[in-house]
Amino acid sequence: MTDVAESKVTGIIKTLNVLEDDLDSLTGKVGDMKKQLNVKTLTEID
C-alpha cells in the first residue's frame, strides 16, 4: 500500500474511533436521561 493510501486509511480509522466514542457518550447520556425520567414519573405518580 502506498503512503497516501495508508494515510487515508489511518485517517478514516481515527475518525471512526472518534465517532465510536461519541456514540458511547450519547448512549450513556440517554441511559441517564431514562433514569431521570423514570424517577420523575414515579415522583409524579406518587
PDB file of N, CA and C in Angstrom:
ATOM      1  N   MET A   1       0.845  -1.177   0.000  1.00  0.00           N
ATOM      2  CA  MET A   1       0.000   0.000   0.000  1.00  0.00           C
ATOM      3  C   MET A   1       0.892   1.242   0.000  1.00  0.00           C
ATOM      4  N   THR A   2       0.479   2.253  -0.709  1.00  0.00           N
ATOM      5  CA  THR A   2       1.288   3.464  -0.754  1.00  0.00           C
ATOM      6  C   THR A   2       1.094   4.264   0.520  1.00  0.00           C
ATOM      7  N   ASP A   3       2.009   5.200   0.736  1.00  0.00           N
ATOM      8  CA  ASP A   3       1.923   6.043   1.929  1.00  0.00           C
ATOM      9  C   ASP A   3       0.638   6.858   1.947  1.00  0.00           C
ATOM     10  N   VAL A   4       0.215   7.342   0.780  1.00  0.00           N
ATOM     11  CA  VAL A   4      -1.011   8.146   0.706  1.00  0.00           C
ATOM     12  C   VAL A   4      -2.214   7.299   1.097  1.00  0.00           C
ATOM     13  N   ALA A   5      -2.287   6.087   0.580  1.00  0.00           N
ATOM     14  CA  ALA A   5      -3.402   5.197   0.906  1.00  0.00           C
ATOM     15  C   ALA A   5      -3.394   4.846   2.391  1.00  0.00           C
ATOM     16  N   GLU A   6      -2.211   4.570   2.934  1.00  0.00           N
ATOM     17  CA  GLU A   6      -2.107   4.264   4.362  1.00  0.00           C
ATOM     18  C   GLU A   6      -2.545   5.452   5.190  1.00  0.00           C
ATOM     19  N   SER A   7      -2.167   6.645   4.769  1.00  0.00           N
ATOM     20  CA  SER A   7      -2.545   7.855   5.483  1.00  0.00           C
ATOM     21  C   SER A   7      -4.060   8.034   5.484  1.00  0.00           C
ATOM     22  N   LYS A   8      -4.685   7.776   4.332  1.00  0.00           N
ATOM     23  CA  LYS A   8      -6.141   7.906   4.242  1.00  0.00           C
ATOM     24  C   LYS A   8      -6.834   6.871   5.118  1.00  0.00           C
ATOM     25  N   VAL A   9      -6.336   5.649   5.096  1.00  0.00           N
ATOM     26  CA  VAL A   9      -6.922   4.593   5.922  1.00  0.00           C
ATOM     27  C   VAL A   9      -6.766   4.935   7.398  1.00  0.00           C
ATOM     28  N   THR A  10      -5.599   5.412   7.773  1.00  0.00           N
ATOM     29  CA  THR A  10      -5.362   5.801   9.160  1.00  0.00           C
ATOM     30  C   THR A  10      -6.308   6.921   9.568  1.00  0.00           C
ATOM     31  N   GLY A  11      -6.503   7.890   8.695  1.00  0.00           N
ATOM     32  CA  GLY A  11      -7.429   8.989   8.976  1.00  0.00           C
ATOM     33  C   GLY A  11      -8.853   8.496   9.156  1.00  0.00           C
ATOM     34  N   ILE A  12      -9.265   7.578   8.314  1.00  0.00           N
ATOM     35  CA  ILE A  12     -10.619   7.013   8.417  1.00  0.00           C
ATOM     36  C   ILE A  12     -10.780   6.257   9.732  1.00  0.00           C
ATOM     37  N   ILE A  13      -9.775   5.479  10.095  1.00  0.00           N
ATOM     38  CA  ILE A  13      -9.840   4.710  11.343  1.00  0.00           C
ATOM     39  C   ILE A  13      -9.919   5.649  12.545  1.00  0.00           C
ATOM     40  N   LYS A  14      -9.125   6.702  12.543  1.00  0.00           N
ATOM     41  CA  LYS A  14      -9.162   7.666  13.650  1.00  0.00           C
ATOM     42  C   LYS A  14     -10.530   8.329  13.741  1.00  0.00           C
ATOM     43  N   THR A  15     -11.093   8.692  12.592  1.00  0.00           N
ATOM     44  CA  THR A  15     -12.411   9.322  12.570  1.00  0.00           C
ATOM     45  C   THR A  15     -13.476   8.365  13.087  1.00  0.00           C
ATOM     46  N   LEU A  16     -13.396   7.107  12.683  1.00  0.00           N
ATOM     47  CA  LEU A  16     -14.352   6.112  13.168  1.00  0.00           C
ATOM     48  C   LEU A  16     -14.224   5.913  14.677  1.00  0.00           C
ATOM     49  N   ASN A  17     -13.011   5.959  15.197  1.00  0.00           N
ATOM     50  CA  ASN A  17     -12.814   5.835  16.645  1.00  0.00           C
ATOM     51  C   ASN A  17     -13.451   7.000  17.387  1.00  0.00           C
ATOM     52  N   VAL A  18     -13.320   8.202  16.834  1.00  0.00           N
ATOM     53  CA  VAL A  18     -13.945   9.380  17.447  1.00  0.00           C
ATOM     54  C   VAL A  18     -15.463   9.228  17.426  1.00  0.00           C
ATOM     55  N   LEU A  19     -16.002   8.785  16.302  1.00  0.00           N
ATOM     56  CA  LEU A  19     -17.447   8.572  16.203  1.00  0.00           C
ATOM     57  C   LEU A  19     -17.921   7.515  17.196  1.00  0.00           C
ATOM     58  N   GLU A  20     -17.134   6.466  17.360  1.00  0.00           N
ATOM     59  CA  GLU A  20     -17.494   5.422  18.318  1.00  0.00           C
ATOM     60  C   GLU A  20     -17.531   5.983  19.737  1.00  0.00           C
ATOM     61  N   ASP A  21     -16.544   6.805  20.074  1.00  0.00           N
ATOM     62  CA  ASP A  21     -16.518   7.430  21.396  1.00  0.00           C
ATOM     63  C   ASP A  21     -17.731   8.334  21.592  1.00  0.00           C
ATOM     64  N   ASP A  22     -18.087   9.095  20.546  1.00  0.00           N
ATOM     65  CA  ASP A  22     -19.258   9.971  20.622  1.00  0.00           C
ATOM     66  C   ASP A  22     -20.535   9.161  20.832  1.00  0.00           C
ATOM     67  N   LEU A  23     -20.650   8.052  20.119  1.00  0.00           N
ATOM     68  CA  LEU A  23     -21.831   7.192  20.276  1.00  0.00           C
ATOM     69  C   LEU A  23     -21.897   6.597  21.680  1.00  0.00           C
ATOM     70  N   ASP A  24     -20.763   6.181  22.206  1.00  0.00           N
ATOM     71  CA  ASP A  24     -20.732   5.642  23.567  1.00  0.00           C
ATOM     72  C   ASP A  24     -21.172   6.706  24.566  1.00  0.00           C
ATOM     73  N   SER A  25     -20.704   7.925  24.368  1.00  0.00           N
ATOM     74  CA  SER A  25     -21.076   9.031  25.246  1.00  0.00           C
ATOM     75  C   SER A  25     -22.575   9.302  25.172  1.00  0.00           C
ATOM     76  N   LEU A  26     -23.098   9.339  23.956  1.00  0.00           N
ATOM     77  CA  LEU A  26     -24.531   9.574  23.782  1.00  0.00           C
ATOM     78  C   LEU A  26     -25.358   8.453  24.392  1.00  0.00           C
ATOM     79  N   THR A  27     -24.902   7.231  24.243  1.00  0.00           N
ATOM     80  CA  THR A  27     -25.612   6.091  24.820  1.00  0.00           C
ATOM     81  C   THR A  27     -25.679   6.231  26.341  1.00  0.00           C
ATOM     82  N   GLY A  28     -24.580   6.640  26.940  1.00  0.00           N
ATOM     83  CA  GLY A  28     -24.556   6.856  28.385  1.00  0.00           C
ATOM     84  C   GLY A  28     -25.492   7.967  28.811  1.00  0.00           C
ATOM     85  N   LYS A  29     -25.505   9.055  28.046  1.00  0.00           N
ATOM     86  CA  LYS A  29     -26.381  10.179  28.372  1.00  0.00           C
ATOM     87  C   LYS A  29     -27.847   9.803  28.234  1.00  0.00           C
ATOM     88  N   VAL A  30     -28.173   9.022  27.209  1.00  0.00           N
ATOM     89  CA  VAL A  30     -29.556   8.569  27.024  1.00  0.00           C
ATOM     90  C   VAL A  30     -29.967   7.684  28.201  1.00  0.00           C
ATOM     91  N   GLY A  31     -29.071   6.825  28.641  1.00  0.00           N
ATOM     92  CA  GLY A  31     -29.357   5.980  29.799  1.00  0.00           C
ATOM     93  C   GLY A  31     -29.631   6.815  31.041  1.00  0.00           C
ATOM     94  N   ASP A  32     -28.832   7.856  31.249  1.00  0.00           N
ATOM     95  CA  ASP A  32     -29.042   8.751  32.390  1.00  0.00           C
ATOM     96  C   ASP A  32     -30.381   9.466  32.280  1.00  0.00           C
ATOM     97  N   MET A  33     -30.720   9.913  31.082  1.00  0.00           N
ATOM     98  CA  MET A  33     -31.994  10.605  30.878  1.00  0.00           C
ATOM     99  C   MET A  33     -33.174   9.677  31.156  1.00  0.00           C
ATOM    100  N   LYS A  34     -33.060   8.415  30.755  1.00  0.00           N
ATOM    101  CA  LYS A  34     -34.126   7.445  31.024  1.00  0.00           C
ATOM    102  C   LYS A  34     -34.316   7.262  32.525  1.00  0.00           C
ATOM    103  N   LYS A  35     -33.199   7.162  33.254  1.00  0.00           N
ATOM    104  CA  LYS A  35     -33.283   7.010  34.706  1.00  0.00           C
ATOM    105  C   LYS A  35     -33.958   8.225  35.333  1.00  0.00           C
ATOM    106  N   GLN A  36     -33.556   9.428  34.906  1.00  0.00           N
ATOM    107  CA  GLN A  36     -34.151  10.647  35.444  1.00  0.00           C
ATOM    108  C   GLN A  36     -35.639  10.716  35.135  1.00  0.00           C
ATOM    109  N   LEU A  37     -36.008  10.333  33.929  1.00  0.00           N
ATOM    110  CA  LEU A  37     -37.411  10.355  33.534  1.00  0.00           C
ATOM    111  C   LEU A  37     -38.219   9.351  34.355  1.00  0.00           C
ATOM    112  N   ASN A  38     -37.651   8.184  34.596  1.00  0.00           N
ATOM    113  CA  ASN A  38     -38.342   7.191  35.424  1.00  0.00           C
ATOM    114  C   ASN A  38     -38.545   7.703  36.841  1.00  0.00           C
ATOM    115  N   VAL A  39     -37.520   8.329  37.414  1.00  0.00           N
ATOM    116  CA  VAL A  39     -37.629   8.873  38.766  1.00  0.00           C
ATOM    117  C   VAL A  39     -38.692   9.961  38.801  1.00  0.00           C
ATOM    118  N   LYS A  40     -38.672  10.848  37.830  1.00  0.00           N
ATOM    119  CA  LYS A  40     -39.655  11.937  37.787  1.00  0.00           C
ATOM    120  C   LYS A  40     -41.065  11.384  37.623  1.00  0.00           C
ATOM    121  N   THR A  41     -41.211  10.378  36.773  1.00  0.00           N
ATOM    122  CA  THR A  41     -42.521   9.763  36.552  1.00  0.00           C
ATOM    123  C   THR A  41     -43.043   9.135  37.840  1.00  0.00           C
ATOM    124  N   LEU A  42     -42.179   8.399  38.524  1.00  0.00           N
ATOM    125  CA  LEU A  42     -42.597   7.777  39.782  1.00  0.00           C
ATOM    126  C   LEU A  42     -42.951   8.827  40.828  1.00  0.00           C
ATOM    127  N   THR A  43     -42.208   9.925  40.854  1.00  0.00           N
ATOM    128  CA  THR A  43     -42.487  11.008  41.792  1.00  0.00           C
ATOM    129  C   THR A  43     -43.841  11.642  41.486  1.00  0.00           C
ATOM    130  N   GLU A  44     -44.121  11.863  40.218  1.00  0.00           N
ATOM    131  CA  GLU A  44     -45.393  12.467  39.816  1.00  0.00           C
ATOM    132  C   GLU A  44     -46.565  11.533  40.113  1.00  0.00           C
ATOM    133  N   ILE A  45     -46.357  10.239  39.958  1.00  0.00           N
ATOM    134  CA  ILE A  45     -47.429   9.274  40.208  1.00  0.00           C
ATOM    135  C   ILE A  45     -47.773   9.245  41.695  1.00  0.00           C
ATOM    136  N   ASP A  46     -46.730   9.312  42.537  1.00  0.00           N
ATOM    137  CA  ASP A  46     -46.955   9.288  43.993  1.00  0.00           C
ATOM    138  C   ASP A  46     -47.599  10.589  44.386  1.00  0.00           C
TER     139      ASP A  46
END
